[in-house]
Protein backbone atom coordinates (compact mmCIF):
# COMPACT_ATOMS: atom_id res chain seq x y z
CA MET A 1 11.07 -11.13 -29.93
CA PRO A 2 13.21 -14.63 -29.97
CA LYS A 3 13.67 -16.15 -26.06
CA LYS A 4 17.01 -15.47 -25.39
CA TYR A 5 17.43 -15.15 -21.64
CA VAL A 6 15.21 -15.56 -18.77
CA SER A 7 16.24 -14.63 -15.51
CA ASN A 8 14.59 -15.78 -12.42
CA SER A 9 15.54 -13.10 -10.22
CA THR A 10 12.72 -10.88 -8.61
CA GLU A 11 14.94 -7.58 -9.56
CA SER A 12 15.85 -6.35 -12.81
CA SER A 13 19.15 -4.96 -13.70
CA ARG A 14 19.18 -1.21 -13.62
CA MET A 15 18.38 0.57 -16.77
CA PHE A 16 19.32 4.21 -16.31
CA ASN A 17 22.51 5.91 -14.86
CA ASN A 18 20.39 8.75 -13.64
CA ARG A 19 18.54 7.83 -10.27
CA VAL A 20 15.74 9.70 -11.27
CA LEU A 21 14.87 7.82 -14.64
CA GLU A 22 15.89 4.78 -12.74
CA SER A 23 12.98 5.52 -9.95
CA LEU A 24 10.25 6.69 -12.81
CA SER A 25 10.99 3.25 -14.22
CA LYS A 26 9.65 1.32 -11.10
CA VAL A 27 6.06 1.26 -10.25
CA HIS A 28 4.13 -0.34 -7.31
CA TYR A 29 1.18 -2.35 -9.10
CA SER A 30 -1.71 -0.10 -7.15
CA VAL A 31 -0.15 2.95 -8.70
CA PRO A 32 -2.20 2.98 -11.54
CA LEU A 33 -5.77 2.05 -9.64
CA PHE A 34 -4.91 5.58 -7.75
CA ILE A 35 -4.25 7.27 -10.94
CA PHE A 36 -6.78 5.93 -13.67
CA VAL A 37 -9.96 4.96 -11.17
CA PRO A 38 -10.85 8.69 -10.57
CA VAL A 39 -10.38 9.24 -14.10
CA ILE A 40 -13.07 6.73 -15.16
CA PHE A 41 -15.27 7.83 -12.63
CA TYR A 42 -15.07 11.45 -13.70
CA PHE A 43 -15.67 10.61 -17.44
CA SER A 44 -18.54 8.27 -16.41
CA TRP A 45 -20.10 10.69 -14.52
CA LYS A 46 -19.76 13.14 -17.07
CA ALA A 47 -21.07 10.83 -19.53
CA LEU A 48 -23.82 9.85 -17.70
CA GLY A 49 -25.22 13.30 -17.17
CA VAL A 50 -26.28 13.49 -21.09
CA LEU A 51 -26.35 10.10 -22.17
CA SER A 52 -29.14 7.89 -22.01
CA TRP A 53 -28.09 4.68 -19.90
CA TYR A 54 -28.34 2.47 -22.70
CA GLU A 55 -26.28 4.79 -24.87
CA PHE A 56 -23.59 4.88 -21.96
CA VAL A 57 -23.59 1.19 -21.55
CA LEU A 58 -23.14 0.58 -25.22
CA THR A 59 -20.37 3.13 -25.59
CA VAL A 60 -18.65 2.22 -22.84
CA LEU A 61 -18.59 -1.76 -24.04
CA GLY A 62 -17.36 -0.17 -27.34
CA GLY A 63 -14.38 1.30 -25.53
CA LEU A 64 -13.47 -2.01 -23.82
CA PHE A 65 -14.10 -3.71 -26.82
CA ILE A 66 -11.57 -1.45 -28.44
CA TRP A 67 -8.90 -1.96 -25.92
CA THR A 68 -9.04 -5.40 -26.34
CA PHE A 69 -7.56 -4.66 -29.79
CA THR A 70 -5.12 -2.34 -28.74
CA GLU A 71 -3.64 -4.17 -25.99
CA TYR A 72 -3.12 -6.86 -28.83
CA PHE A 73 -1.81 -4.62 -31.84
CA MET A 74 0.57 -2.76 -29.07
CA HIS A 75 2.24 -6.10 -27.88
CA ARG A 76 2.35 -7.28 -30.99
CA PHE A 77 3.75 -4.84 -33.26
CA VAL A 78 5.02 -1.95 -30.96
CA PHE A 79 6.59 -4.07 -27.96
CA HIS A 80 7.64 -6.76 -29.98
CA PHE A 81 9.13 -4.87 -32.86
CA ASN A 82 12.50 -6.04 -34.41
CA PRO A 83 15.29 -3.75 -33.19
CA ARG A 84 18.08 -2.72 -35.45
CA GLY A 85 21.26 -1.19 -34.42
CA LYS A 86 22.43 -0.66 -30.57
CA PHE A 87 20.20 2.14 -30.19
CA MET A 88 16.82 0.54 -31.27
CA GLU A 89 17.75 -2.90 -29.14
CA ARG A 90 18.30 -0.34 -26.16
CA ILE A 91 15.01 1.24 -27.00
CA HIS A 92 13.76 -2.24 -27.22
CA PHE A 93 14.92 -3.34 -23.64
CA ILE A 94 13.60 -0.25 -21.72
CA PHE A 95 9.96 -0.45 -23.49
CA HIS A 96 9.57 -4.14 -23.20
CA GLY A 97 12.72 -6.18 -23.40
CA VAL A 98 13.39 -5.90 -19.39
CA HIS A 99 10.07 -7.76 -18.66
CA HIS A 100 11.17 -10.26 -20.93
CA ASP A 101 14.91 -10.74 -19.19
CA TYR A 102 13.32 -10.51 -15.85
CA PRO A 103 9.61 -11.49 -15.91
CA ASN A 104 9.27 -11.50 -11.66
CA ASP A 105 10.39 -8.09 -11.15
CA ALA A 106 7.12 -6.67 -9.74
CA LYS A 107 7.92 -3.29 -10.03
CA ARG A 108 8.40 -3.49 -13.97
CA LEU A 109 5.28 -5.26 -14.69
CA VAL A 110 2.71 -2.39 -14.86
CA MET A 111 2.89 0.54 -16.83
CA PRO A 112 5.06 3.55 -15.19
CA PRO A 113 2.52 6.70 -15.18
CA SER A 114 5.53 8.58 -17.28
CA VAL A 115 4.15 6.21 -19.89
CA SER A 116 0.56 5.78 -19.33
CA ILE A 117 -0.78 9.45 -18.62
CA PRO A 118 0.84 10.82 -22.00
CA LEU A 119 -0.34 7.79 -23.98
CA SER A 120 -3.69 7.67 -22.12
CA ALA A 121 -3.88 11.56 -23.27
CA ALA A 122 -2.75 10.72 -26.88
CA PHE A 123 -5.73 8.14 -27.28
CA TYR A 124 -8.31 10.78 -25.26
CA PHE A 125 -7.56 13.24 -28.26
CA LEU A 126 -7.40 10.80 -30.68
CA PHE A 127 -10.91 9.72 -29.77
CA THR A 128 -12.16 13.19 -30.26
CA LEU A 129 -11.85 13.31 -33.73
CA PHE A 130 -14.51 10.49 -34.06
CA MET A 131 -16.73 11.17 -31.42
CA GLY A 132 -18.53 13.99 -29.43
CA GLU A 133 -17.53 15.09 -26.30
CA TYR A 134 -19.99 12.95 -24.01
CA GLN A 135 -19.54 9.70 -26.29
CA VAL A 136 -15.69 10.27 -25.90
CA ALA A 137 -16.39 10.53 -22.33
CA ALA A 138 -18.17 6.95 -22.03
CA PHE A 139 -15.83 5.25 -24.59
CA PHE A 140 -12.69 6.52 -22.92
CA SER A 141 -14.03 5.32 -19.87
CA GLY A 142 -14.50 1.72 -21.13
CA PHE A 143 -11.24 1.98 -22.53
CA MET A 144 -9.37 2.87 -19.57
CA THR A 145 -11.08 0.05 -17.62
CA GLY A 146 -9.92 -2.34 -20.15
CA TYR A 147 -6.41 -0.94 -19.60
CA LEU A 148 -6.87 -1.16 -15.79
CA PHE A 149 -7.76 -4.51 -16.36
CA TYR A 150 -4.90 -5.62 -18.33
CA ASP A 151 -2.32 -3.94 -15.82
CA MET A 152 -3.90 -5.32 -12.77
CA SER A 153 -4.20 -8.76 -14.92
CA HIS A 154 -0.56 -8.72 -15.85
CA TYR A 155 0.44 -8.39 -12.41
CA ALA A 156 -1.71 -10.91 -11.08
CA LEU A 157 -0.70 -13.62 -13.81
CA HIS A 158 3.00 -13.05 -12.74
CA HIS A 159 2.46 -13.28 -9.15
CA ALA A 160 -0.98 -14.64 -7.95
CA HIS A 161 -2.06 -18.29 -7.62
CA PHE A 162 -5.47 -19.11 -9.04
CA LYS A 163 -7.90 -21.93 -8.65
CA SER A 164 -10.27 -20.53 -11.15
CA ALA A 165 -10.06 -22.60 -14.54
CA PHE A 166 -10.45 -19.36 -16.70
CA TRP A 167 -7.15 -17.64 -14.71
CA LYS A 168 -5.47 -20.84 -14.90
CA ARG A 169 -5.63 -21.04 -18.63
CA LEU A 170 -4.97 -17.23 -19.01
CA LYS A 171 -1.98 -17.69 -16.74
CA LYS A 172 -0.48 -20.64 -18.87
CA HIS A 173 -1.20 -18.80 -21.96
CA HIS A 174 0.90 -15.89 -20.80
CA MET A 175 3.56 -18.17 -19.29
CA GLN A 176 4.24 -19.67 -22.43
CA HIS A 177 4.28 -16.38 -24.09
CA HIS A 178 7.21 -15.90 -21.87
CA TYR A 179 8.87 -18.96 -21.67
CA SER A 180 8.34 -20.73 -24.78
CA ASP A 181 7.61 -18.75 -27.77
CA ALA A 182 7.57 -15.08 -27.29
CA SER A 183 6.44 -14.77 -30.79
CA LYS A 184 3.02 -16.52 -29.82
CA GLY A 185 0.41 -15.60 -27.35
CA TYR A 186 0.34 -11.37 -27.35
CA GLY A 187 -3.11 -11.11 -25.65
CA VAL A 188 -2.68 -10.71 -21.70
CA SER A 189 -6.34 -9.73 -20.34
CA SER A 190 -7.72 -12.05 -23.25
CA ASP A 191 -6.66 -14.39 -25.79
CA ILE A 192 -9.37 -13.56 -28.27
CA TRP A 193 -7.26 -11.76 -31.03
CA ASP A 194 -4.45 -14.23 -30.86
CA ARG A 195 -7.74 -17.13 -31.46
CA ILE A 196 -8.65 -14.93 -34.08
CA PHE A 197 -5.32 -13.92 -36.04
CA GLY A 198 -3.68 -17.64 -35.17
CA SER A 199 -1.04 -16.45 -32.92
CA ASN A 200 -1.71 -18.88 -29.93
CA GLU A 201 0.86 -21.05 -28.61
CA LYS A 202 0.60 -24.49 -30.55
CA ARG A 203 -0.47 -26.88 -27.72
CA PRO A 204 0.01 -30.56 -27.49
CA ALA A 205 -3.47 -32.29 -27.27
CA ASN A 206 -3.08 -33.37 -23.67
CA THR A 207 -1.13 -30.73 -21.66
CA GLY A 208 -1.72 -30.39 -18.24
CA SER A 209 -3.39 -27.19 -16.28
CA SER A 210 -0.60 -25.04 -14.63
C-alpha cells in the first residue's frame, strides 16, 4: 500500500453511519486480554491434563512460531492487498487502511472482537484437521499467546516510550512501515520474517535510534 495520507490526529474519521457498527469498530487495547487470556489458560489446562510437560512445551512453542509467520503473511498479503474498484477500496480502508491513515488512534489499533473471535475460531478448527484434540489445545494456546503479544506490542509501539534497545529497534522498524515505506516491514511483534523474505526497510549505514 503506497503512502498517500497520514494524519497525526488521535481520532480517526467515522467509518460507518450505523452507530452499532461504528462502536464495534473501536476497542480499548485491554479487551483482547479479557477475552483471550482465559481461553489460553483453558486450553493449556486441557492439554496439560494429558500431554507430558515437554510435549506440551514443544507444541506451545510450535503454535507460537506458526503465529509469527501468520502475522507476517496476513499483514503482507491480506491487510496490504491491492484494492481494485471503489468497493474493494472501502473494504481495504475498513480492515487496515484506516490504521495507516490514522496510526495514532488508540481505539483502532488492536483487533476488535467482532473480527478476532471468529478468526481465532476459524484457526482453531483449521488446526483440528492436522492434530489430535490435546495437541491442538497446546498448539492453539501458543498460537493465541503469539496473537496477544502481537496485539499488545502493536499498541505499545504506537503509544509507549521505550528504554530497551530491543523495543526501540522494533518501534523504529514499525514506524518506518508507517511513515517511510508501507511495502516493507510487515512484522510487528518481530522482524524475523522480514529478514528472511527481504522485506526489511533499507536503512542507511548510520541511523540514530528513535
